[in-house]
Amino acid sequence: MYEKQYPNEGAVLFNQPEEKNSYGPMAEQVLKEAIFQFQRKKLMEQIDEALAAGNKPLFFKLSAQYNDLLKQYGA
């Protein structure tokens, strides 16, 4: 009897339009910043290891990658 009174109760409606909000661009910016910080930290650690090992070619290669990363993210 309850089902007859409320046939759509509990139904998930997927065809409803998404609400407009500003979370999308904000979330994208947060993700970009997190990726940048992760890549920056990883490169800095690798550069430190190359310096400690005295590996000059690797140091220059990683330094170039670091500079490219900074340019890519406008830092």
Protein backbone atom coordinates (compact mmCIF):
# COMPACT_ATOMS: atom_id res chain seq x y z
CA MET A 1 0.00 0.00 0.00
CA TYR A 2 2.84 2.40 0.84
CA GLU A 3 4.38 1.80 -2.60
CA LYS A 4 1.16 2.88 -4.28
CA GLN A 5 1.09 6.17 -2.38
CA TYR A 6 4.74 7.05 -3.04
CA PRO A 7 5.88 5.17 -6.15
CA ASN A 8 9.01 7.29 -6.77
CA GLU A 9 10.30 7.52 -3.23
CA GLY A 10 13.88 6.35 -3.03
CA ALA A 11 14.35 6.51 -6.79
CA VAL A 12 17.59 8.03 -7.99
CA LEU A 13 17.03 10.61 -10.69
CA PHE A 14 20.10 10.82 -12.92
CA ASN A 15 18.63 13.02 -15.63
CA GLN A 16 18.40 16.12 -13.50
CA PRO A 17 20.56 19.01 -14.72
CA GLU A 18 23.69 19.66 -12.69
CA GLU A 19 23.61 22.66 -10.44
CA LYS A 20 25.84 25.51 -11.49
CA ASN A 21 28.58 26.12 -8.96
CA SER A 22 32.12 27.39 -8.81
CA TYR A 23 33.66 24.27 -7.27
CA GLY A 24 34.89 22.87 -10.60
CA PRO A 25 37.46 25.57 -11.40
CA MET A 26 38.49 25.79 -7.76
CA ALA A 27 39.01 22.02 -7.53
CA GLU A 28 41.02 22.09 -10.75
CA GLN A 29 43.27 24.82 -9.35
CA VAL A 30 43.81 22.85 -6.13
CA LEU A 31 44.75 19.75 -8.14
CA LYS A 32 47.16 21.71 -10.34
CA GLU A 33 48.83 23.18 -7.27
CA ALA A 34 49.12 19.75 -5.64
CA ILE A 35 50.65 18.26 -8.79
CA PHE A 36 53.09 21.15 -9.07
CA GLN A 37 54.17 20.85 -5.43
CA PHE A 38 54.61 17.06 -5.75
CA GLN A 39 56.67 17.31 -8.93
CA ARG A 40 58.73 20.19 -7.53
CA LYS A 41 59.52 18.30 -4.32
CA LYS A 42 60.43 15.14 -6.22
CA LEU A 43 62.77 17.02 -8.56
CA MET A 44 64.41 18.88 -5.69
CA GLU A 45 65.10 15.58 -3.91
CA GLN A 46 66.57 14.10 -7.09
CA ILE A 47 68.73 17.20 -7.61
CA ASP A 48 70.01 16.92 -4.05
CA GLU A 49 70.87 13.25 -4.62
CA ALA A 50 72.69 14.07 -7.86
CA LEU A 51 74.70 16.76 -6.07
CA ALA A 52 75.56 14.42 -3.21
CA ALA A 53 76.69 11.75 -5.68
CA GLY A 54 78.69 14.26 -7.70
CA ASN A 55 76.75 13.36 -10.85
CA LYS A 56 77.12 16.57 -12.84
CA PRO A 57 75.29 15.46 -16.03
CA LEU A 58 72.28 14.24 -14.03
CA PHE A 59 72.32 17.46 -12.01
CA PHE A 60 72.14 19.57 -15.19
CA LYS A 61 69.40 17.37 -16.66
CA LEU A 62 67.27 17.57 -13.51
CA SER A 63 67.91 21.30 -13.14
CA ALA A 64 66.63 21.84 -16.69
CA GLN A 65 63.52 19.80 -15.86
CA TYR A 66 63.03 21.88 -12.71
CA ASN A 67 63.28 25.12 -14.68
CA ASP A 68 60.81 23.79 -17.26
CA LEU A 69 58.41 22.89 -14.46
CA LEU A 70 58.61 26.41 -13.06
CA LYS A 71 57.93 27.89 -16.50
CA GLN A 72 55.04 25.50 -17.10
CA TYR A 73 53.30 26.52 -13.89
CA GLY A 74 54.31 30.16 -14.04
CA ALA A 75 56.22 30.04 -10.78
